[in-house]
Amino acid sequence: MCVERLQKIILAMALGIVMMLAASGSIKAAFILHLGIIIILISSALTGFCYITKVLSSAFPLCSEVKK
């Protein structure tokens, strides 16, 4: 498993948790978690640096390294 794929899986799981919180009535917790995800994605898009990728790359290889 490479970092970029793992990052997408984690993002999908986080969005699933947001949906679960919203469905169970914890709207404030769902809003805060969703806002955090939005901030992380926007900062990653604007700066080109993703902290999650940096942390995960210490344990998993990058997808470009796996394809070689």
Protein backbone atom coordinates (compact mmCIF):
# COMPACT_ATOMS: atom_id res chain seq x y z
CA MET A 1 0.00 0.00 0.00
CA CYS A 2 1.42 3.37 -0.96
CA VAL A 3 1.01 6.72 0.78
CA GLU A 4 -1.29 8.46 -1.69
CA ARG A 5 -3.75 5.57 -1.75
CA LEU A 6 -3.66 5.27 2.01
CA GLN A 7 -4.31 9.00 2.34
CA LYS A 8 -7.41 8.71 0.15
CA ILE A 9 -8.68 5.78 2.22
CA ILE A 10 -8.21 7.76 5.43
CA LEU A 11 -10.03 10.74 3.92
CA ALA A 12 -12.95 8.51 2.90
CA MET A 13 -13.09 7.05 6.41
CA ALA A 14 -13.06 10.53 7.96
CA LEU A 15 -15.93 11.63 5.72
CA GLY A 16 -17.80 8.47 6.70
CA ILE A 17 -17.33 9.37 10.36
CA VAL A 18 -18.71 12.84 9.62
CA MET A 19 -21.79 11.28 8.01
CA MET A 20 -22.23 8.94 10.99
CA LEU A 21 -21.97 11.82 13.47
CA ALA A 22 -24.46 13.90 11.51
CA ALA A 23 -26.92 11.00 11.27
CA SER A 24 -26.67 10.27 14.98
CA GLY A 25 -27.45 13.86 15.90
CA SER A 26 -23.97 15.09 16.83
CA ILE A 27 -24.16 17.99 14.42
CA LYS A 28 -21.57 20.12 16.24
CA ALA A 29 -18.95 17.35 16.24
CA ALA A 30 -19.69 16.56 12.58
CA PHE A 31 -19.36 20.25 11.66
CA ILE A 32 -16.03 20.62 13.49
CA LEU A 33 -14.56 17.47 11.92
CA HIS A 34 -15.80 18.47 8.47
CA LEU A 35 -14.34 21.97 8.87
CA GLY A 36 -11.00 20.42 9.85
CA ILE A 37 -11.01 18.24 6.73
CA ILE A 38 -11.79 21.27 4.57
CA ILE A 39 -8.94 23.28 6.11
CA ILE A 40 -6.46 20.44 5.60
CA LEU A 41 -7.48 19.99 1.95
CA ILE A 42 -7.40 23.70 1.12
CA SER A 43 -4.01 24.25 2.79
CA SER A 44 -2.64 21.20 0.97
CA ALA A 45 -3.93 22.48 -2.37
CA LEU A 46 -2.58 26.01 -1.89
CA THR A 47 0.84 25.16 -0.50
CA GLY A 48 1.55 21.81 -2.16
CA PHE A 49 2.57 20.42 1.23
CA CYS A 50 0.44 17.81 2.94
CA TYR A 51 1.30 16.99 6.54
CA ILE A 52 -0.56 13.68 6.38
CA THR A 53 1.52 12.52 3.41
CA LYS A 54 4.71 13.55 5.20
CA VAL A 55 3.78 11.56 8.32
CA LEU A 56 2.61 8.49 6.40
CA SER A 57 5.69 8.46 4.16
CA SER A 58 7.83 7.60 7.16
CA ALA A 59 6.07 4.22 7.36
CA PHE A 60 4.87 3.60 3.79
CA PRO A 61 6.51 4.12 0.38
CA LEU A 62 5.36 6.76 -2.09
CA CYS A 63 3.31 5.47 -5.04
CA SER A 64 6.04 6.63 -7.46
CA GLU A 65 8.53 4.37 -5.64
CA VAL A 66 6.20 1.36 -5.72
CA LYS A 67 5.71 1.53 -9.51
CA LYS A 68 9.45 1.26 -10.22
